[in-house]
Amino acid sequence: MGKRPPWLVPDELWDEVEPLLPVRRRTGAGRPSLGDRGCLQGILFVLHTGIQWEWLPQELGFGSGMTCWRRLREWQDTGVWDRLQGVLLSELDRAGDLDWSRVGR
């Protein structure tokens, strides 16, 4: 079996990421919001593939591209994304999956 797709968050990584996220409160009206893990995987899919947010395939189960985009914006506005990015980069570096040759000097 090959490597897992880079946008899928393994359980071990999720255990590190989840405590960094704010608790989501249900408003009571409308449909339940998409879970944070699904949103994060949708965000990572868009960032990895470079597709437009609105083209995020619904069949992947990551919700709509706009939902993922709004969650990313919320996390950026509250400083959560910076902390998440630090954890993700550390994990990629530890796994030897960062290509430092592509980093500008």
PDB file of N, CA and C in Angstrom:
ATOM      1  N   MET A   1       0.844  -1.176   0.000  1.00  0.00           N
ATOM      2  CA  MET A   1       0.000   0.000   0.000  1.00  0.00           C
ATOM      3  C   MET A   1       0.891   1.242   0.000  1.00  0.00           C
ATOM      4  N   GLY A   2       0.511   2.256  -0.760  1.00  0.00           N
ATOM      5  CA  GLY A   2       1.309   3.467  -0.871  1.00  0.00           C
ATOM      6  C   GLY A   2       1.119   4.390   0.320  1.00  0.00           C
ATOM      7  N   LYS A   3       1.788   5.529   0.243  1.00  0.00           N
ATOM      8  CA  LYS A   3       1.658   6.527   1.299  1.00  0.00           C
ATOM      9  C   LYS A   3       0.248   7.098   1.302  1.00  0.00           C
ATOM     10  N   ARG A   4      -0.177   7.544   2.457  1.00  0.00           N
ATOM     11  CA  ARG A   4      -1.496   8.183   2.556  1.00  0.00           C
ATOM     12  C   ARG A   4      -1.431   9.546   1.866  1.00  0.00           C
ATOM     13  N   PRO A   5      -2.550  10.006   1.349  1.00  0.00           N
ATOM     14  CA  PRO A   5      -2.569  11.343   0.751  1.00  0.00           C
ATOM     15  C   PRO A   5      -2.162  12.389   1.800  1.00  0.00           C
ATOM     16  N   PRO A   6      -1.395  13.398   1.402  1.00  0.00           N
ATOM     17  CA  PRO A   6      -0.856  14.357   2.374  1.00  0.00           C
ATOM     18  C   PRO A   6      -1.910  15.232   3.044  1.00  0.00           C
ATOM     19  N   TRP A   7      -3.118  15.265   2.542  1.00  0.00           N
ATOM     20  CA  TRP A   7      -4.156  16.089   3.157  1.00  0.00           C
ATOM     21  C   TRP A   7      -4.932  15.323   4.228  1.00  0.00           C
ATOM     22  N   LEU A   8      -4.739  14.009   4.339  1.00  0.00           N
ATOM     23  CA  LEU A   8      -5.423  13.242   5.378  1.00  0.00           C
ATOM     24  C   LEU A   8      -4.625  13.324   6.677  1.00  0.00           C
ATOM     25  N   VAL A   9      -5.286  13.722   7.729  1.00  0.00           N
ATOM     26  CA  VAL A   9      -4.633  13.933   9.019  1.00  0.00           C
ATOM     27  C   VAL A   9      -4.717  12.648   9.837  1.00  0.00           C
ATOM     28  N   PRO A  10      -3.564  11.999  10.084  1.00  0.00           N
ATOM     29  CA  PRO A  10      -3.585  10.761  10.877  1.00  0.00           C
ATOM     30  C   PRO A  10      -3.984  11.040  12.332  1.00  0.00           C
ATOM     31  N   ASP A  11      -4.467  10.016  12.999  1.00  0.00           N
ATOM     32  CA  ASP A  11      -4.949  10.161  14.373  1.00  0.00           C
ATOM     33  C   ASP A  11      -3.899  10.763  15.301  1.00  0.00           C
ATOM     34  N   GLU A  12      -2.639  10.346  15.162  1.00  0.00           N
ATOM     35  CA  GLU A  12      -1.583  10.849  16.044  1.00  0.00           C
ATOM     36  C   GLU A  12      -1.400  12.358  15.885  1.00  0.00           C
ATOM     37  N   LEU A  13      -1.445  12.834  14.643  1.00  0.00           N
ATOM     38  CA  LEU A  13      -1.311  14.271  14.394  1.00  0.00           C
ATOM     39  C   LEU A  13      -2.553  15.007  14.880  1.00  0.00           C
ATOM     40  N   TRP A  14      -3.719  14.424  14.659  1.00  0.00           N
ATOM     41  CA  TRP A  14      -4.960  15.057  15.109  1.00  0.00           C
ATOM     42  C   TRP A  14      -4.939  15.234  16.630  1.00  0.00           C
ATOM     43  N   ASP A  15      -4.372  14.279  17.337  1.00  0.00           N
ATOM     44  CA  ASP A  15      -4.281  14.385  18.796  1.00  0.00           C
ATOM     45  C   ASP A  15      -3.454  15.597  19.220  1.00  0.00           C
ATOM     46  N   GLU A  16      -2.496  16.016  18.399  1.00  0.00           N
ATOM     47  CA  GLU A  16      -1.690  17.209  18.684  1.00  0.00           C
ATOM     48  C   GLU A  16      -2.407  18.492  18.269  1.00  0.00           C
ATOM     49  N   VAL A  17      -3.165  18.410  17.185  1.00  0.00           N
ATOM     50  CA  VAL A  17      -3.809  19.587  16.605  1.00  0.00           C
ATOM     51  C   VAL A  17      -5.096  19.963  17.340  1.00  0.00           C
ATOM     52  N   GLU A  18      -5.892  18.992  17.678  1.00  0.00           N
ATOM     53  CA  GLU A  18      -7.226  19.262  18.229  1.00  0.00           C
ATOM     54  C   GLU A  18      -7.226  20.197  19.440  1.00  0.00           C
ATOM     55  N   PRO A  19      -6.292  20.043  20.392  1.00  0.00           N
ATOM     56  CA  PRO A  19      -6.313  20.956  21.549  1.00  0.00           C
ATOM     57  C   PRO A  19      -6.040  22.421  21.199  1.00  0.00           C
ATOM     58  N   LEU A  20      -5.484  22.694  20.031  1.00  0.00           N
ATOM     59  CA  LEU A  20      -5.194  24.069  19.621  1.00  0.00           C
ATOM     60  C   LEU A  20      -6.431  24.792  19.101  1.00  0.00           C
ATOM     61  N   LEU A  21      -7.475  24.044  18.790  1.00  0.00           N
ATOM     62  CA  LEU A  21      -8.657  24.607  18.147  1.00  0.00           C
ATOM     63  C   LEU A  21      -9.667  25.102  19.171  1.00  0.00           C
ATOM     64  N   PRO A  22     -10.332  26.219  18.861  1.00  0.00           N
ATOM     65  CA  PRO A  22     -11.366  26.709  19.777  1.00  0.00           C
ATOM     66  C   PRO A  22     -12.566  25.758  19.771  1.00  0.00           C
ATOM     67  N   VAL A  23     -13.260  25.701  20.897  1.00  0.00           N
ATOM     68  CA  VAL A  23     -14.462  24.876  20.990  1.00  0.00           C
ATOM     69  C   VAL A  23     -15.549  25.526  20.145  1.00  0.00           C
ATOM     70  N   ARG A  24     -16.174  24.729  19.289  1.00  0.00           N
ATOM     71  CA  ARG A  24     -17.242  25.247  18.429  1.00  0.00           C
ATOM     72  C   ARG A  24     -18.569  25.074  19.149  1.00  0.00           C
ATOM     73  N   ARG A  25     -19.334  26.117  19.208  1.00  0.00           N
ATOM     74  CA  ARG A  25     -20.636  26.088  19.867  1.00  0.00           C
ATOM     75  C   ARG A  25     -21.734  25.946  18.819  1.00  0.00           C
ATOM     76  N   ARG A  26     -22.622  25.034  19.055  1.00  0.00           N
ATOM     77  CA  ARG A  26     -23.769  24.845  18.154  1.00  0.00           C
ATOM     78  C   ARG A  26     -24.793  25.929  18.455  1.00  0.00           C
ATOM     79  N   THR A  27     -25.257  26.587  17.403  1.00  0.00           N
ATOM     80  CA  THR A  27     -26.231  27.661  17.577  1.00  0.00           C
ATOM     81  C   THR A  27     -27.643  27.119  17.748  1.00  0.00           C
ATOM     82  N   GLY A  28     -27.865  25.882  17.361  1.00  0.00           N
ATOM     83  CA  GLY A  28     -29.188  25.282  17.511  1.00  0.00           C
ATOM     84  C   GLY A  28     -29.996  25.293  16.227  1.00  0.00           C
ATOM     85  N   ALA A  29     -29.819  26.300  15.406  1.00  0.00           N
ATOM     86  CA  ALA A  29     -30.582  26.395  14.163  1.00  0.00           C
ATOM     87  C   ALA A  29     -29.752  25.878  12.996  1.00  0.00           C
ATOM     88  N   GLY A  30     -30.441  25.373  11.989  1.00  0.00           N
ATOM     89  CA  GLY A  30     -29.755  24.940  10.776  1.00  0.00           C
ATOM     90  C   GLY A  30     -29.054  23.613  10.930  1.00  0.00           C
ATOM     91  N   ARG A  31     -28.311  23.265   9.907  1.00  0.00           N
ATOM     92  CA  ARG A  31     -27.600  21.985   9.929  1.00  0.00           C
ATOM     93  C   ARG A  31     -26.363  22.078  10.814  1.00  0.00           C
ATOM     94  N   PRO A  32     -25.939  20.939  11.354  1.00  0.00           N
ATOM     95  CA  PRO A  32     -24.724  20.949  12.186  1.00  0.00           C
ATOM     96  C   PRO A  32     -23.510  21.363  11.357  1.00  0.00           C
ATOM     97  N   SER A  33     -22.584  22.070  11.994  1.00  0.00           N
ATOM     98  CA  SER A  33     -21.391  22.501  11.266  1.00  0.00           C
ATOM     99  C   SER A  33     -20.459  21.317  11.043  1.00  0.00           C
ATOM    100  N   LEU A  34     -19.641  21.449  10.019  1.00  0.00           N
ATOM    101  CA  LEU A  34     -18.654  20.424   9.702  1.00  0.00           C
ATOM    102  C   LEU A  34     -17.600  20.397  10.798  1.00  0.00           C
ATOM    103  N   GLY A  35     -17.165  19.222  11.172  1.00  0.00           N
ATOM    104  CA  GLY A  35     -16.139  19.093  12.200  1.00  0.00           C
ATOM    105  C   GLY A  35     -14.822  19.718  11.766  1.00  0.00           C
ATOM    106  N   ASP A  36     -14.036  20.090  12.754  1.00  0.00           N
ATOM    107  CA  ASP A  36     -12.757  20.749  12.479  1.00  0.00           C
ATOM    108  C   ASP A  36     -11.794  19.860  11.698  1.00  0.00           C
ATOM    109  N   ARG A  37     -11.798  18.562  11.973  1.00  0.00           N
ATOM    110  CA  ARG A  37     -10.875  17.671  11.267  1.00  0.00           C
ATOM    111  C   ARG A  37     -11.197  17.645   9.777  1.00  0.00           C
ATOM    112  N   GLY A  38     -12.474  17.553   9.433  1.00  0.00           N
ATOM    113  CA  GLY A  38     -12.871  17.583   8.028  1.00  0.00           C
ATOM    114  C   GLY A  38     -12.484  18.889   7.360  1.00  0.00           C
ATOM    115  N   CYS A  39     -12.689  19.996   8.070  1.00  0.00           N
ATOM    116  CA  CYS A  39     -12.298  21.301   7.521  1.00  0.00           C
ATOM    117  C   CYS A  39     -10.793  21.381   7.314  1.00  0.00           C
ATOM    118  N   LEU A  40     -10.030  20.934   8.292  1.00  0.00           N
ATOM    119  CA  LEU A  40      -8.572  20.978   8.153  1.00  0.00           C
ATOM    120  C   LEU A  40      -8.126  20.149   6.957  1.00  0.00           C
ATOM    121  N   GLN A  41      -8.704  18.979   6.782  1.00  0.00           N
ATOM    122  CA  GLN A  41      -8.329  18.134   5.647  1.00  0.00           C
ATOM    123  C   GLN A  41      -8.738  18.786   4.326  1.00  0.00           C
ATOM    124  N   GLY A  42      -9.883  19.458   4.302  1.00  0.00           N
ATOM    125  CA  GLY A  42     -10.282  20.191   3.105  1.00  0.00           C
ATOM    126  C   GLY A  42      -9.325  21.330   2.792  1.00  0.00           C
ATOM    127  N   ILE A  43      -8.906  22.054   3.828  1.00  0.00           N
ATOM    128  CA  ILE A  43      -7.940  23.143   3.657  1.00  0.00           C
ATOM    129  C   ILE A  43      -6.626  22.595   3.115  1.00  0.00           C
ATOM    130  N   LEU A  44      -6.150  21.508   3.705  1.00  0.00           N
ATOM    131  CA  LEU A  44      -4.890  20.912   3.253  1.00  0.00           C
ATOM    132  C   LEU A  44      -5.002  20.401   1.822  1.00  0.00           C
ATOM    133  N   PHE A  45      -6.168  19.868   1.440  1.00  0.00           N
ATOM    134  CA  PHE A  45      -6.375  19.400   0.068  1.00  0.00           C
ATOM    135  C   PHE A  45      -6.249  20.567  -0.911  1.00  0.00           C
ATOM    136  N   VAL A  46      -6.922  21.678  -0.598  1.00  0.00           N
ATOM    137  CA  VAL A  46      -6.863  22.853  -1.480  1.00  0.00           C
ATOM    138  C   VAL A  46      -5.437  23.392  -1.559  1.00  0.00           C
ATOM    139  N   LEU A  47      -4.760  23.494  -0.422  1.00  0.00           N
ATOM    140  CA  LEU A  47      -3.389  24.010  -0.424  1.00  0.00           C
ATOM    141  C   LEU A  47      -2.439  23.078  -1.167  1.00  0.00           C
ATOM    142  N   HIS A  48      -2.651  21.777  -1.049  1.00  0.00           N
ATOM    143  CA  HIS A  48      -1.773  20.807  -1.716  1.00  0.00           C
ATOM    144  C   HIS A  48      -2.006  20.768  -3.228  1.00  0.00           C
ATOM    145  N   THR A  49      -3.264  20.775  -3.635  1.00  0.00           N
ATOM    146  CA  THR A  49      -3.574  20.619  -5.059  1.00  0.00           C
ATOM    147  C   THR A  49      -3.605  21.937  -5.816  1.00  0.00           C
ATOM    148  N   GLY A  50      -3.852  23.042  -5.107  1.00  0.00           N
ATOM    149  CA  GLY A  50      -3.936  24.335  -5.766  1.00  0.00           C
ATOM    150  C   GLY A  50      -5.268  24.597  -6.450  1.00  0.00           C
ATOM    151  N   ILE A  51      -6.266  23.742  -6.204  1.00  0.00           N
ATOM    152  CA  ILE A  51      -7.569  23.984  -6.824  1.00  0.00           C
ATOM    153  C   ILE A  51      -8.238  25.187  -6.169  1.00  0.00           C
ATOM    154  N   GLN A  52      -9.244  25.710  -6.831  1.00  0.00           N
ATOM    155  CA  GLN A  52     -10.013  26.805  -6.260  1.00  0.00           C
ATOM    156  C   GLN A  52     -10.921  26.250  -5.167  1.00  0.00           C
ATOM    157  N   TRP A  53     -11.205  27.081  -4.175  1.00  0.00           N
ATOM    158  CA  TRP A  53     -12.024  26.631  -3.046  1.00  0.00           C
ATOM    159  C   TRP A  53     -13.343  26.033  -3.507  1.00  0.00           C
ATOM    160  N   GLU A  54     -14.001  26.671  -4.455  1.00  0.00           N
ATOM    161  CA  GLU A  54     -15.330  26.189  -4.865  1.00  0.00           C
ATOM    162  C   GLU A  54     -15.271  24.869  -5.619  1.00  0.00           C
ATOM    163  N   TRP A  55     -14.089  24.424  -5.992  1.00  0.00           N
ATOM    164  CA  TRP A  55     -13.950  23.147  -6.706  1.00  0.00           C
ATOM    165  C   TRP A  55     -13.622  21.982  -5.779  1.00  0.00           C
ATOM    166  N   LEU A  56     -13.586  22.213  -4.481  1.00  0.00           N
ATOM    167  CA  LEU A  56     -13.311  21.125  -3.539  1.00  0.00           C
ATOM    168  C   LEU A  56     -14.377  20.043  -3.714  1.00  0.00           C
ATOM    169  N   PRO A  57     -13.978  18.831  -4.108  1.00  0.00           N
ATOM    170  CA  PRO A  57     -14.962  17.773  -4.376  1.00  0.00           C
ATOM    171  C   PRO A  57     -15.732  17.371  -3.119  1.00  0.00           C
ATOM    172  N   GLN A  58     -17.051  17.454  -3.192  1.00  0.00           N
ATOM    173  CA  GLN A  58     -17.909  17.083  -2.069  1.00  0.00           C
ATOM    174  C   GLN A  58     -17.751  15.612  -1.691  1.00  0.00           C
ATOM    175  N   GLU A  59     -17.426  14.778  -2.687  1.00  0.00           N
ATOM    176  CA  GLU A  59     -17.312  13.340  -2.409  1.00  0.00           C
ATOM    177  C   GLU A  59     -16.183  13.005  -1.443  1.00  0.00           C
ATOM    178  N   LEU A  60     -15.256  13.915  -1.243  1.00  0.00           N
ATOM    179  CA  LEU A  60     -14.156  13.664  -0.312  1.00  0.00           C
ATOM    180  C   LEU A  60     -14.609  13.737   1.147  1.00  0.00           C
ATOM    181  N   GLY A  61     -15.772  14.342   1.371  1.00  0.00           N
ATOM    182  CA  GLY A  61     -16.303  14.427   2.728  1.00  0.00           C
ATOM    183  C   GLY A  61     -15.725  15.555   3.560  1.00  0.00           C
ATOM    184  N   PHE A  62     -15.122  16.547   2.910  1.00  0.00           N
ATOM    185  CA  PHE A  62     -14.511  17.665   3.627  1.00  0.00           C
ATOM    186  C   PHE A  62     -15.435  18.877   3.693  1.00  0.00           C
ATOM    187  N   GLY A  63     -16.673  18.726   3.269  1.00  0.00           N
ATOM    188  CA  GLY A  63     -17.587  19.859   3.236  1.00  0.00           C
ATOM    189  C   GLY A  63     -17.341  20.702   1.996  1.00  0.00           C
ATOM    190  N   SER A  64     -18.009  21.830   1.953  1.00  0.00           N
ATOM    191  CA  SER A  64     -17.846  22.704   0.791  1.00  0.00           C
ATOM    192  C   SER A  64     -16.550  23.496   0.910  1.00  0.00           C
ATOM    193  N   GLY A  65     -16.068  23.935  -0.235  1.00  0.00           N
ATOM    194  CA  GLY A  65     -14.870  24.755  -0.243  1.00  0.00           C
ATOM    195  C   GLY A  65     -15.059  26.044   0.534  1.00  0.00           C
ATOM    196  N   MET A  66     -16.265  26.614   0.462  1.00  0.00           N
ATOM    197  CA  MET A  66     -16.520  27.863   1.176  1.00  0.00           C
ATOM    198  C   MET A  66     -16.517  27.647   2.684  1.00  0.00           C
ATOM    199  N   THR A  67     -17.032  26.498   3.128  1.00  0.00           N
ATOM    200  CA  THR A  67     -16.987  26.179   4.560  1.00  0.00           C
ATOM    201  C   THR A  67     -15.544  26.093   5.027  1.00  0.00           C
ATOM    202  N   CYS A  68     -14.723  25.395   4.261  1.00  0.00           N
ATOM    203  CA  CYS A  68     -13.306  25.258   4.625  1.00  0.00           C
ATOM    204  C   CYS A  68     -12.602  26.605   4.585  1.00  0.00           C
ATOM    205  N   TRP A  69     -12.910  27.411   3.580  1.00  0.00           N
ATOM    206  CA  TRP A  69     -12.297  28.735   3.466  1.00  0.00           C
ATOM    207  C   TRP A  69     -12.681  29.613   4.654  1.00  0.00           C
ATOM    208  N   ARG A  70     -13.970  29.581   5.050  1.00  0.00           N
ATOM    209  CA  ARG A  70     -14.411  30.382   6.196  1.00  0.00           C
ATOM    210  C   ARG A  70     -13.730  29.929   7.488  1.00  0.00           C
ATOM    211  N   ARG A  71     -13.572  28.616   7.654  1.00  0.00           N
ATOM    212  CA  ARG A  71     -12.912  28.107   8.859  1.00  0.00           C
ATOM    213  C   ARG A  71     -11.442  28.535   8.867  1.00  0.00           C
ATOM    214  N   LEU A  72     -10.776  28.476   7.703  1.00  0.00           N
ATOM    215  CA  LEU A  72      -9.391  28.939   7.618  1.00  0.00           C
ATOM    216  C   LEU A  72      -9.302  30.416   7.994  1.00  0.00           C
ATOM    217  N   ARG A  73     -10.207  31.219   7.473  1.00  0.00           N
ATOM    218  CA  ARG A  73     -10.212  32.656   7.775  1.00  0.00           C
ATOM    219  C   ARG A  73     -10.430  32.892   9.276  1.00  0.00           C
ATOM    220  N   GLU A  74     -11.351  32.132   9.856  1.00  0.00           N
ATOM    221  CA  GLU A  74     -11.606  32.237  11.299  1.00  0.00           C
ATOM    222  C   GLU A  74     -10.346  31.882  12.095  1.00  0.00           C
ATOM    223  N   TRP A  75      -9.693  30.801  11.693  1.00  0.00           N
ATOM    224  CA  TRP A  75      -8.471  30.376  12.391  1.00  0.00           C
ATOM    225  C   TRP A  75      -7.349  31.394  12.201  1.00  0.00           C
ATOM    226  N   GLN A  76      -7.267  32.019  11.025  1.00  0.00           N
ATOM    227  CA  GLN A  76      -6.245  33.046  10.796  1.00  0.00           C
ATOM    228  C   GLN A  76      -6.517  34.269  11.665  1.00  0.00           C
ATOM    229  N   ASP A  77      -7.779  34.692  11.711  1.00  0.00           N
ATOM    230  CA  ASP A  77      -8.150  35.890  12.470  1.00  0.00           C
ATOM    231  C   ASP A  77      -7.899  35.737  13.969  1.00  0.00           C
ATOM    232  N   THR A  78      -7.987  34.517  14.476  1.00  0.00           N
ATOM    233  CA  THR A  78      -7.823  34.283  15.913  1.00  0.00           C
ATOM    234  C   THR A  78      -6.430  33.786  16.287  1.00  0.00           C
ATOM    235  N   GLY A  79      -5.526  33.660  15.306  1.00  0.00           N
ATOM    236  CA  GLY A  79      -4.166  33.213  15.570  1.00  0.00           C
ATOM    237  C   GLY A  79      -3.998  31.706  15.651  1.00  0.00           C
ATOM    238  N   VAL A  80      -5.088  30.970  15.465  1.00  0.00           N
ATOM    239  CA  VAL A  80      -5.029  29.507  15.545  1.00  0.00           C
ATOM    240  C   VAL A  80      -4.211  28.935  14.391  1.00  0.00           C
ATOM    241  N   TRP A  81      -4.352  29.505  13.196  1.00  0.00           N
ATOM    242  CA  TRP A  81      -3.668  28.949  12.027  1.00  0.00           C
ATOM    243  C   TRP A  81      -2.150  28.977  12.203  1.00  0.00           C
ATOM    244  N   ASP A  82      -1.614  30.034  12.791  1.00  0.00           N
ATOM    245  CA  ASP A  82      -0.163  30.098  13.019  1.00  0.00           C
ATOM    246  C   ASP A  82       0.297  28.941  13.898  1.00  0.00           C
ATOM    247  N   ARG A  83      -0.469  28.640  14.950  1.00  0.00           N
ATOM    248  CA  ARG A  83      -0.113  27.521  15.830  1.00  0.00           C
ATOM    249  C   ARG A  83      -0.258  26.189  15.102  1.00  0.00           C
ATOM    250  N   LEU A  84      -1.339  26.047  14.328  1.00  0.00           N
ATOM    251  CA  LEU A  84      -1.540  24.815  13.552  1.00  0.00           C
ATOM    252  C   LEU A  84      -0.412  24.617  12.557  1.00  0.00           C
ATOM    253  N   GLN A  85      -0.054  25.689  11.874  1.00  0.00           N
ATOM    254  CA  GLN A  85       1.003  25.607  10.874  1.00  0.00           C
ATOM    255  C   GLN A  85       2.317  25.168  11.519  1.00  0.00           C
ATOM    256  N   GLY A  86       2.595  25.658  12.713  1.00  0.00           N
ATOM    257  CA  GLY A  86       3.805  25.245  13.416  1.00  0.00           C
ATOM    258  C   GLY A  86       3.821  23.753  13.708  1.00  0.00           C
ATOM    259  N   VAL A  87       2.689  23.220  14.165  1.00  0.00           N
ATOM    260  CA  VAL A  87       2.591  21.784  14.450  1.00  0.00           C
ATOM    261  C   VAL A  87       2.736  20.979  13.166  1.00  0.00           C
ATOM    262  N   LEU A  88       2.050  21.419  12.103  1.00  0.00           N
ATOM    263  CA  LEU A  88       2.101  20.685  10.834  1.00  0.00           C
ATOM    264  C   LEU A  88       3.509  20.692  10.245  1.00  0.00           C
ATOM    265  N   LEU A  89       4.168  21.842  10.269  1.00  0.00           N
ATOM    266  CA  LEU A  89       5.534  21.910   9.735  1.00  0.00           C
ATOM    267  C   LEU A  89       6.500  21.058  10.552  1.00  0.00           C
ATOM    268  N   SER A  90       6.343  21.061  11.858  1.00  0.00           N
ATOM    269  CA  SER A  90       7.197  20.217  12.709  1.00  0.00           C
ATOM    270  C   SER A  90       7.008  18.746  12.384  1.00  0.00           C
ATOM    271  N   GLU A  91       5.758  18.342  12.188  1.00  0.00           N
ATOM    272  CA  GLU A  91       5.468  16.939  11.864  1.00  0.00           C
ATOM    273  C   GLU A  91       6.040  16.564  10.501  1.00  0.00           C
ATOM    274  N   LEU A  92       5.879  17.442   9.517  1.00  0.00           N
ATOM    275  CA  LEU A  92       6.434  17.172   8.187  1.00  0.00           C
ATOM    276  C   LEU A  92       7.958  17.091   8.236  1.00  0.00           C
ATOM    277  N   ASP A  93       8.574  17.990   8.987  1.00  0.00           N
ATOM    278  CA  ASP A  93      10.030  17.980   9.104  1.00  0.00           C
ATOM    279  C   ASP A  93      10.503  16.699   9.788  1.00  0.00           C
ATOM    280  N   ARG A  94       9.823  16.315  10.863  1.00  0.00           N
ATOM    281  CA  ARG A  94      10.181  15.092  11.586  1.00  0.00           C
ATOM    282  C   ARG A  94      10.088  13.870  10.680  1.00  0.00           C
ATOM    283  N   ALA A  95       9.075  13.861   9.799  1.00  0.00           N
ATOM    284  CA  ALA A  95       8.874  12.730   8.894  1.00  0.00           C
ATOM    285  C   ALA A  95       9.777  12.800   7.663  1.00  0.00           C
ATOM    286  N   GLY A  96      10.538  13.892   7.521  1.00  0.00           N
ATOM    287  CA  GLY A  96      11.407  14.048   6.355  1.00  0.00           C
ATOM    288  C   GLY A  96      10.648  14.389   5.088  1.00  0.00           C
ATOM    289  N   ASP A  97       9.455  14.980   5.249  1.00  0.00           N
ATOM    290  CA  ASP A  97       8.608  15.282   4.097  1.00  0.00           C
ATOM    291  C   ASP A  97       8.651  16.746   3.668  1.00  0.00           C
ATOM    292  N   LEU A  98       9.558  17.539   4.222  1.00  0.00           N
ATOM    293  CA  LEU A  98       9.690  18.929   3.785  1.00  0.00           C
ATOM    294  C   LEU A  98      10.809  19.026   2.763  1.00  0.00           C
ATOM    295  N   ASP A  99      10.543  19.731   1.684  1.00  0.00           N
ATOM    296  CA  ASP A  99      11.549  19.937   0.645  1.00  0.00           C
ATOM    297  C   ASP A  99      12.140  21.329   0.844  1.00  0.00           C
ATOM    298  N   TRP A 100      13.202  21.402   1.643  1.00  0.00           N
ATOM    299  CA  TRP A 100      13.805  22.690   1.969  1.00  0.00           C
ATOM    300  C   TRP A 100      14.451  23.356   0.758  1.00  0.00           C
ATOM    301  N   SER A 101      14.694  22.608  -0.323  1.00  0.00           N
ATOM    302  CA  SER A 101      15.295  23.209  -1.511  1.00  0.00           C
ATOM    303  C   SER A 101      14.342  24.193  -2.182  1.00  0.00           C
ATOM    304  N   ARG A 102      13.056  24.109  -1.861  1.00  0.00           N
ATOM    305  CA  ARG A 102      12.066  24.999  -2.474  1.00  0.00           C
ATOM    306  C   ARG A 102      11.829  26.260  -1.661  1.00  0.00           C
ATOM    307  N   VAL A 103      12.511  26.392  -0.536  1.00  0.00           N
ATOM    308  CA  VAL A 103      12.336  27.546   0.337  1.00  0.00           C
ATOM    309  C   VAL A 103      13.250  28.667  -0.138  1.00  0.00           C
ATOM    310  N   GLY A 104      12.692  29.866  -0.255  1.00  0.00           N
ATOM    311  CA  GLY A 104      13.493  31.024  -0.660  1.00  0.00           C
ATOM    312  C   GLY A 104      14.508  31.385   0.404  1.00  0.00           C
ATOM    313  N   ARG A 105      15.632  31.865  -0.031  1.00  0.00           N
ATOM    314  CA  ARG A 105      16.685  32.251   0.918  1.00  0.00           C
ATOM    315  C   ARG A 105      16.754  33.740   1.034  1.00  0.00           C
TER     316      ARG A 105
END
